[in-house]
Structure formats: structure tokens, C-alpha cells
Amino acid sequence: MPTSRRYLLISLCALFVIGLAWVSLRSTAPVIPEAIKNGYSEALAKAKAGQPGAARVLYQQLARPDLKPKRRVWLHAELPNYPSSVALKLADADLQHESPEVRIAAIKSISGLVPNGQRSLLIGPLLDDSEQSVRLAAINALLGLSPDDLGLYFGPLQQAIDAWEQVLKNAPQSAENQYQLARLHLHNAELKEAQQALDNTLRLDPANLPALVMQIDVLDKQGQNDAAGQLLAKQLQAQPNSAYLQHALGLWLLHHGQSEFALLGLSKAVELEPNNKDYRYDLATTLYAEHELEAAQKQLQEIVQRYPNDRKARVLLINYWKESGQLQNVQILLAQLEQLNPDDPALQQGL
């Protein structure tokens, strides 16, 4: 066969293979309907506002392979309010996403979707992630879990903590680094080291309230309850209108068995920051523990009215109303929950 014809045949074969591959890729690439392509803003708005159909459109957007990383991150912030097997599958898939920011967002989603005992199985592998920021997010998500909850990842977490400690110790001293170092020492029950790191934090940033509250916790763990109480009282005297400190006081009194007085601090925190749903939730559960069911219900109702997407408050309010026999209210909230997310585990379990 002449050389020219041989080259021609080879060229034709190559073109055929390329064409076949192109057709194959076109046929396997997912086709995304225009309504879904253009539905991102609506989905995010529905999820934030707790509107009917929120879970469905949220899942549709997270299932898109073409969604930009920043948009995936914003959607993951809403996902824990819409739990289901689909939500967990989407979050789990994004643990492997090429963007570190998305992997971190997926870690936070899973922390909100999955109970402690199961969380380590999903997040644990990211303790070896190639990106330091992702490894640190995985450590933060697993800090505080018991050895039983950590299971196979107890050892890897300790190794990751040791490595992070070394990084923090070698880095230029800053309030943020020292605070993180204190958290790691506290996890390892290294109380004196935690105290030193917190002293450094407050020396560098005297207004760091989280560090101050952690210092009170460390004093308590060392058996210095009086010193802890005096430190908290001193700070409250200097900043009586700090909702953060009033809330900390309520939790501290609660921890020390003074629930009646704890209610004063928790109520003051809500009064100072009425839009803080975490403060209001803690007040509601403390009221319930004190057998003030109606008052607890009112606090939860306020959360649901202000934040219709807050599933935790909604589910607890359903339980409280059921306990008081207000079945009509129970049915209304269950119907709303089903409109939001028909696959919610609370509905599947026959709440």
C-alpha cells in the first residue's frame, strides 16, 4: 500500500476515534434543565426563609456538577436544617470535592446532620487531607468527641492534634493561635497548658470573651470553682450588658446545679440579644427542666417565628406541644415540616 494512502487511513481512523469519544462524552454528560440552572438564588432564599419545597430545591442545586464552589459553600450552610438520606449523600460526596472550601463546608454540614457516634466515620479520613485548612476543620469537627465516638479515628485524631500543636507553637504568637492551642490542650485534658495558652490569649486580646469563658471552664475542671465564679462575676461587673457573658453565667450556674438562678442569666442574655436563637433555645430547655412548659413553648415559638428554617427548635416545640396535649398545634407544625422537607427523619419516625 502506498505510503500516502496508509497515512490517509491512519488519519481517518484517528478522526473516527476522536469523533466517537466526543459523541460518547456528549451522551454521558448530565443535562441540567434550564429551570434548575437558573434556580440557585430561589433555592437559597427558600432554604433561608424556611419556605415550602425548600429541601427539594436545595438538593437539586447541590446535585449540580457545574455549581461554583462559593455557591456550594453557601448552600451547605443551610443543609443541616434539611436532613435526610439525600442530604447526607450530597454532603458526603462534597467531602471529595476538588475545592478545599467546599470540603470544609461539607464537614460542617455533616457535623450538623450526623450524631456524634457516626460523624467520625465520615469526617475521620479528612484528617489526612492534602490541605492544612481541611485537616484543621476535620480536627475541629471531632474535638470533644469521646474515645468511643471516635472509634478507629481516636489515634489519627491524636496524631493530627500533635501535628497542629507543633504548627501553632512554631508560628508567630497571636491571640487566635494561642486560643486554638488552648482548645487542643483542653481536649487532651492538659489543664495547666490550656491555662497558660489562655493567659497568653487574653494578654494579646483582653476583650476575647470566648477565651475568657474557656478560662472559667478550665478553672472549674481544676477544682477552682470559687476562682471561676469570681472571675465571671468580675467580668460581668465590668460588662453587665454583655449578652455573651450573661449567657455564660446562666450555663455556669446550670452546671453547678443552680438552675433557678441560671434562668436569670439566660433570660438577661435573650433580653440583650433577642435575635440570638442559641441563647433563646438554651433558655427554653432550661425552662422546661424547671417544669415551666408553657414558658419554654413560648421561647421556641419565638425562634420558629423569627427563623422558620430552624429545624431543631421546630422539632423540640412539636415534642413540647405533644407533651402538653396541644395536638392541633402539633399537626400544624408537622404539616409545615412536611412541606419543608417530606423526607425529614422526624416525619419518617412518626414524631
Protein backbone atom coordinates (compact mmCIF):
# COMPACT_ATOMS: atom_id res chain seq x y z
CA MET A 1 0.00 0.00 0.00
CA PRO A 2 1.43 3.40 -0.94
CA THR A 3 2.66 5.49 1.98
CA SER A 4 0.24 8.31 1.20
CA ARG A 5 -2.77 6.00 1.39
CA ARG A 6 -1.51 4.48 4.64
CA TYR A 7 -1.22 7.92 6.23
CA LEU A 8 -4.67 8.81 4.96
CA LEU A 9 -6.20 5.69 6.52
CA ILE A 10 -4.42 6.32 9.82
CA SER A 11 -5.70 9.92 9.83
CA LEU A 12 -9.24 8.80 9.09
CA CYS A 13 -9.10 6.21 11.90
CA ALA A 14 -7.82 8.84 14.32
CA LEU A 15 -10.61 11.23 13.37
CA PHE A 16 -13.14 8.44 13.80
CA VAL A 17 -11.86 7.63 17.30
CA ILE A 18 -11.90 11.31 18.30
CA GLY A 19 -15.42 11.70 16.94
CA LEU A 20 -16.59 8.60 18.75
CA ALA A 21 -15.11 9.86 22.01
CA TRP A 22 -16.74 13.27 21.53
CA VAL A 23 -20.14 11.67 20.92
CA SER A 24 -19.66 9.44 23.94
CA LEU A 25 -18.81 12.38 26.18
CA ARG A 26 -21.80 14.34 24.95
CA SER A 27 -24.10 11.41 25.56
CA THR A 28 -22.83 10.77 29.12
CA ALA A 29 -22.60 14.40 30.28
CA PRO A 30 -25.59 15.19 32.51
CA VAL A 31 -28.14 17.52 31.01
CA ILE A 32 -29.24 20.13 33.55
CA PRO A 33 -32.67 21.65 32.92
CA GLU A 34 -32.68 25.42 32.50
CA ALA A 35 -35.08 25.82 35.43
CA ILE A 36 -32.51 24.21 37.75
CA LYS A 37 -29.61 26.12 36.18
CA ASN A 38 -31.39 29.37 36.91
CA GLY A 39 -32.81 28.30 40.27
CA TYR A 40 -29.86 28.88 42.59
CA SER A 41 -30.97 32.19 44.09
CA GLU A 42 -34.51 30.94 44.62
CA ALA A 43 -33.28 27.75 46.27
CA LEU A 44 -31.00 29.62 48.68
CA ALA A 45 -33.75 32.11 49.53
CA LYS A 46 -36.28 29.33 50.18
CA ALA A 47 -33.85 27.44 52.40
CA LYS A 48 -33.01 30.52 54.45
CA ALA A 49 -36.66 31.55 54.81
CA GLY A 50 -37.98 28.05 55.56
CA GLN A 51 -40.45 28.09 52.68
CA PRO A 52 -42.36 25.06 51.31
CA GLY A 53 -40.27 22.94 48.97
CA ALA A 54 -37.00 24.25 50.40
CA ALA A 55 -35.36 20.84 50.78
CA ARG A 56 -36.17 19.74 47.24
CA VAL A 57 -34.67 22.77 45.52
CA LEU A 58 -31.70 22.82 47.92
CA TYR A 59 -30.89 19.20 47.00
CA GLN A 60 -31.33 19.95 43.29
CA GLN A 61 -28.75 22.71 43.43
CA LEU A 62 -26.22 20.71 45.44
CA ALA A 63 -26.58 17.84 42.96
CA ARG A 64 -25.39 20.09 40.12
CA PRO A 65 -21.87 19.25 38.91
CA ASP A 66 -21.47 22.73 37.39
CA LEU A 67 -22.14 24.77 40.54
CA LYS A 68 -19.37 27.18 41.54
CA PRO A 69 -17.56 26.36 44.83
CA LYS A 70 -18.63 29.58 46.56
CA ARG A 71 -22.27 28.79 45.84
CA ARG A 72 -21.87 25.24 47.13
CA VAL A 73 -20.45 26.64 50.38
CA TRP A 74 -23.50 28.90 50.88
CA LEU A 75 -25.88 26.00 50.26
CA HIS A 76 -24.05 23.77 52.73
CA ALA A 77 -24.63 26.40 55.42
CA GLU A 78 -28.37 25.69 55.09
CA LEU A 79 -28.23 21.90 54.62
CA PRO A 80 -28.26 20.82 58.32
CA ASN A 81 -31.79 22.26 58.64
CA TYR A 82 -32.99 19.85 55.95
CA PRO A 83 -31.73 16.39 56.99
CA SER A 84 -32.42 13.22 55.02
CA SER A 85 -30.52 10.38 53.41
CA VAL A 86 -30.26 12.54 50.28
CA ALA A 87 -28.79 15.45 52.25
CA LEU A 88 -26.21 13.16 53.84
CA LYS A 89 -25.30 11.67 50.45
CA LEU A 90 -24.77 15.15 49.00
CA ALA A 91 -22.63 16.28 51.94
CA ASP A 92 -20.61 13.07 51.86
CA ALA A 93 -19.95 13.48 48.12
CA ASP A 94 -18.62 17.01 48.68
CA LEU A 95 -16.05 15.72 51.16
CA GLN A 96 -14.21 14.66 47.98
CA HIS A 97 -14.75 17.95 46.12
CA GLU A 98 -11.69 19.47 44.46
CA SER A 99 -12.22 22.78 46.27
CA PRO A 100 -10.89 22.87 49.88
CA GLU A 101 -13.57 25.45 50.77
CA VAL A 102 -16.29 23.04 49.68
CA ARG A 103 -14.74 20.16 51.63
CA ILE A 104 -14.69 22.36 54.75
CA ALA A 105 -18.33 23.33 54.17
CA ALA A 106 -19.25 19.66 53.79
CA ILE A 107 -17.51 18.86 57.10
CA LYS A 108 -19.67 21.49 58.80
CA SER A 109 -22.79 20.11 57.12
CA ILE A 110 -22.07 16.60 58.32
CA SER A 111 -21.41 17.90 61.84
CA GLY A 112 -24.96 19.25 61.83
CA LEU A 113 -26.54 16.25 60.11
CA VAL A 114 -24.92 13.30 61.84
CA PRO A 115 -24.90 12.24 65.52
CA ASN A 116 -21.53 12.18 67.30
CA GLY A 117 -21.05 8.42 67.14
CA GLN A 118 -21.33 8.29 63.34
CA ARG A 119 -19.61 11.55 62.50
CA SER A 120 -16.05 10.27 62.85
CA LEU A 121 -16.54 7.59 60.20
CA LEU A 122 -17.32 10.26 57.59
CA ILE A 123 -15.02 13.06 58.68
CA GLY A 124 -12.10 10.99 60.01
CA PRO A 125 -10.49 10.34 56.61
CA LEU A 126 -10.04 14.08 56.10
CA LEU A 127 -7.56 14.19 58.98
CA ASP A 128 -5.07 13.20 56.24
CA ASP A 129 -6.32 15.73 53.67
CA SER A 130 -3.68 17.36 51.48
CA GLU A 131 -4.82 20.85 52.56
CA GLN A 132 -3.99 22.05 56.07
CA SER A 133 -7.18 24.13 56.31
CA VAL A 134 -9.27 21.00 55.65
CA ARG A 135 -7.30 18.96 58.19
CA LEU A 136 -7.90 21.67 60.80
CA ALA A 137 -11.63 21.74 60.00
CA ALA A 138 -11.76 17.97 60.49
CA ILE A 139 -9.95 18.27 63.83
CA ASN A 140 -12.38 20.98 64.99
CA ALA A 141 -15.34 18.82 63.99
CA LEU A 142 -14.05 15.88 66.03
CA LEU A 143 -12.75 17.75 69.10
CA GLY A 144 -14.72 16.88 72.20
CA LEU A 145 -15.96 13.50 70.96
CA SER A 146 -15.40 10.61 73.35
CA PRO A 147 -12.93 7.81 72.53
CA ASP A 148 -15.94 5.54 71.89
CA ASP A 149 -17.41 8.04 69.43
CA LEU A 150 -14.08 8.44 67.68
CA GLY A 151 -13.56 4.70 67.36
CA LEU A 152 -10.93 3.94 64.72
CA TYR A 153 -10.07 7.61 64.43
CA PHE A 154 -9.03 8.13 68.06
CA GLY A 155 -5.37 7.53 67.19
CA PRO A 156 -5.37 9.53 63.92
CA LEU A 157 -7.05 12.46 65.68
CA GLN A 158 -4.37 12.49 68.38
CA GLN A 159 -1.66 12.44 65.71
CA ALA A 160 -3.37 15.30 63.87
CA ILE A 161 -3.69 17.28 67.11
CA ASP A 162 0.01 16.76 67.90
CA ALA A 163 0.95 17.98 64.43
CA TRP A 164 -1.28 21.05 64.73
CA GLU A 165 0.10 21.83 68.19
CA GLN A 166 3.59 21.87 66.72
CA VAL A 167 2.49 24.21 63.95
CA LEU A 168 0.87 26.59 66.44
CA LYS A 169 3.89 26.57 68.75
CA ASN A 170 6.25 27.37 65.86
CA ALA A 171 4.02 30.10 64.42
CA PRO A 172 4.32 33.76 65.49
CA GLN A 173 2.36 34.18 68.70
CA SER A 174 -1.14 35.58 68.19
CA ALA A 175 -4.38 35.56 70.15
CA GLU A 176 -6.01 33.23 67.61
CA ASN A 177 -3.11 30.74 67.67
CA GLN A 178 -3.00 30.69 71.46
CA TYR A 179 -6.76 30.20 71.68
CA GLN A 180 -6.62 27.25 69.29
CA LEU A 181 -3.72 25.83 71.27
CA ALA A 182 -5.79 26.09 74.45
CA ARG A 183 -8.63 24.15 72.80
CA LEU A 184 -6.25 21.35 71.85
CA HIS A 185 -4.75 21.20 75.34
CA LEU A 186 -8.24 21.14 76.84
CA HIS A 187 -9.23 18.22 74.59
CA ASN A 188 -6.18 16.32 75.86
CA ALA A 189 -7.03 17.25 79.48
CA GLU A 190 -3.74 19.19 79.71
CA LEU A 191 -5.25 21.79 82.01
CA LYS A 192 -2.12 23.68 83.07
CA GLU A 193 -1.01 24.03 79.46
CA ALA A 194 -4.50 25.15 78.48
CA GLN A 195 -4.45 27.76 81.26
CA GLN A 196 -1.11 29.11 80.04
CA ALA A 197 -2.33 29.36 76.46
CA LEU A 198 -5.48 31.18 77.61
CA ASP A 199 -3.39 33.60 79.70
CA ASN A 200 -1.40 34.34 76.55
CA THR A 201 -4.59 34.79 74.54
CA LEU A 202 -6.05 37.30 76.97
CA ARG A 203 -2.73 39.13 77.27
CA LEU A 204 -2.76 39.62 73.50
CA ASP A 205 -6.52 40.22 73.26
CA PRO A 206 -8.09 41.21 76.61
CA ALA A 207 -11.56 41.51 75.02
CA ASN A 208 -11.60 37.88 73.80
CA LEU A 209 -14.77 36.65 75.53
CA PRO A 210 -14.63 33.04 74.23
CA ALA A 211 -11.14 32.72 75.73
CA LEU A 212 -12.36 34.21 79.00
CA VAL A 213 -15.25 31.74 79.22
CA MET A 214 -12.92 28.85 78.38
CA GLN A 215 -10.61 30.03 81.17
CA ILE A 216 -13.56 29.77 83.58
CA ASP A 217 -14.18 26.23 82.33
CA VAL A 218 -10.51 25.31 82.85
CA LEU A 219 -10.58 26.68 86.40
CA ASP A 220 -13.68 24.58 87.07
CA LYS A 221 -12.01 21.45 85.73
CA GLN A 222 -9.07 22.11 88.07
CA GLY A 223 -11.47 22.24 91.00
CA GLN A 224 -11.15 26.00 91.43
CA ASN A 225 -14.87 26.69 91.38
CA ASP A 226 -14.66 29.78 93.60
CA ALA A 227 -11.97 31.34 91.42
CA ALA A 228 -14.04 30.59 88.31
CA GLY A 229 -17.12 32.21 89.82
CA GLN A 230 -15.17 35.26 90.96
CA LEU A 231 -13.62 35.73 87.53
CA LEU A 232 -17.03 35.55 85.88
CA ALA A 233 -18.55 37.95 88.42
CA LYS A 234 -15.68 40.42 87.89
CA GLN A 235 -16.17 40.40 84.13
CA LEU A 236 -19.94 40.80 84.46
CA GLN A 237 -19.46 43.74 86.80
CA ALA A 238 -17.30 45.38 84.14
CA GLN A 239 -19.63 44.42 81.26
CA PRO A 240 -23.16 43.94 82.65
CA ASN A 241 -24.72 44.37 79.20
CA SER A 242 -22.70 41.63 77.55
CA ALA A 243 -25.20 39.03 76.34
CA TYR A 244 -22.31 36.60 75.83
CA LEU A 245 -21.27 36.83 79.48
CA GLN A 246 -24.86 36.70 80.77
CA HIS A 247 -25.38 33.52 78.76
CA ALA A 248 -22.10 32.11 80.10
CA LEU A 249 -23.24 32.92 83.64
CA GLY A 250 -26.51 31.07 83.07
CA LEU A 251 -24.72 27.98 81.76
CA TRP A 252 -22.17 28.11 84.59
CA LEU A 253 -24.90 28.25 87.24
CA LEU A 254 -26.76 25.47 85.46
CA HIS A 255 -23.62 23.33 85.51
CA HIS A 256 -23.32 23.94 89.24
CA GLY A 257 -26.91 22.91 89.98
CA GLN A 258 -28.35 26.38 90.43
CA SER A 259 -30.95 26.24 87.70
CA GLU A 260 -33.31 28.80 89.22
CA PHE A 261 -30.57 31.44 89.25
CA ALA A 262 -29.36 30.24 85.85
CA LEU A 263 -32.68 31.35 84.38
CA LEU A 264 -31.88 34.93 85.33
CA GLY A 265 -28.67 34.96 83.34
CA LEU A 266 -30.16 33.14 80.36
CA SER A 267 -33.19 35.46 80.34
CA LYS A 268 -30.96 38.53 80.51
CA ALA A 269 -28.92 37.23 77.54
CA VAL A 270 -32.11 36.87 75.47
CA GLU A 271 -33.27 40.32 76.55
CA LEU A 272 -29.96 41.82 75.41
CA GLU A 273 -29.83 39.86 72.13
CA PRO A 274 -33.39 38.86 71.23
CA ASN A 275 -32.36 37.64 67.76
CA ASN A 276 -29.84 35.14 69.10
CA LYS A 277 -31.64 31.84 68.63
CA ASP A 278 -28.99 29.83 70.50
CA TYR A 279 -29.49 31.90 73.64
CA ARG A 280 -33.25 31.55 73.34
CA TYR A 281 -33.01 27.79 72.77
CA ASP A 282 -30.92 27.33 75.93
CA LEU A 283 -33.44 29.40 77.87
CA ALA A 284 -36.29 27.23 76.53
CA THR A 285 -34.64 23.93 77.53
CA THR A 286 -33.78 25.29 80.98
CA LEU A 287 -37.37 26.49 81.49
CA TYR A 288 -38.57 23.04 80.50
CA ALA A 289 -36.19 21.41 83.00
CA GLU A 290 -37.72 23.67 85.65
CA HIS A 291 -41.21 22.40 84.67
CA GLU A 292 -42.19 25.73 83.11
CA LEU A 293 -43.54 24.10 79.97
CA GLU A 294 -45.67 26.98 78.72
CA ALA A 295 -42.82 29.49 79.05
CA ALA A 296 -40.49 27.07 77.25
CA GLN A 297 -43.01 26.70 74.43
CA LYS A 298 -43.23 30.48 74.02
CA GLN A 299 -39.46 30.75 73.62
CA LEU A 300 -39.42 28.04 70.96
CA GLN A 301 -42.39 29.62 69.19
CA GLU A 302 -40.45 32.86 69.04
CA ILE A 303 -37.49 31.09 67.41
CA VAL A 304 -39.72 29.39 64.82
CA GLN A 305 -41.46 32.69 64.01
CA ARG A 306 -38.16 34.55 63.61
CA TYR A 307 -36.33 31.66 61.92
CA PRO A 308 -38.80 29.33 60.13
CA ASN A 309 -35.88 27.24 58.85
CA ASP A 310 -34.67 26.34 62.37
CA ARG A 311 -35.45 22.64 62.44
CA LYS A 312 -34.04 21.98 65.92
CA ALA A 313 -36.42 24.44 67.58
CA ARG A 314 -39.35 23.29 65.45
CA VAL A 315 -38.90 19.61 66.33
CA LEU A 316 -38.48 20.36 70.03
CA LEU A 317 -41.58 22.56 70.00
CA ILE A 318 -43.55 19.69 68.43
CA ASN A 319 -42.43 17.46 71.29
CA TYR A 320 -43.32 20.05 73.93
CA TRP A 321 -46.77 20.65 72.45
CA LYS A 322 -47.37 16.93 72.22
CA GLU A 323 -46.46 16.58 75.87
CA SER A 324 -48.98 19.26 76.86
CA GLY A 325 -51.70 17.72 74.70
CA GLN A 326 -51.90 20.57 72.18
CA LEU A 327 -52.40 18.19 69.29
CA GLN A 328 -53.81 20.80 66.92
CA ASN A 329 -50.60 22.80 67.20
CA VAL A 330 -48.62 19.58 66.73
CA GLN A 331 -50.46 18.82 63.49
CA ILE A 332 -49.88 22.35 62.16
CA LEU A 333 -46.14 22.19 62.77
CA LEU A 334 -45.89 18.65 61.38
CA ALA A 335 -47.67 19.77 58.22
CA GLN A 336 -45.28 22.71 57.87
CA LEU A 337 -42.30 20.41 58.41
CA GLU A 338 -43.57 18.06 55.73
CA GLN A 339 -43.93 20.97 53.30
CA LEU A 340 -40.37 21.99 54.02
CA ASN A 341 -38.84 18.52 53.84
CA PRO A 342 -41.05 15.45 53.33
CA ASP A 343 -38.02 13.19 53.91
CA ASP A 344 -37.20 14.64 57.33
CA PRO A 345 -36.27 11.78 59.71
CA ALA A 346 -38.64 13.18 62.35
CA LEU A 347 -41.54 12.56 59.98
CA GLN A 348 -40.25 9.15 58.97
CA GLN A 349 -40.02 8.13 62.63
CA GLY A 350 -43.60 9.21 63.26
CA LEU A 351 -42.83 12.11 65.58
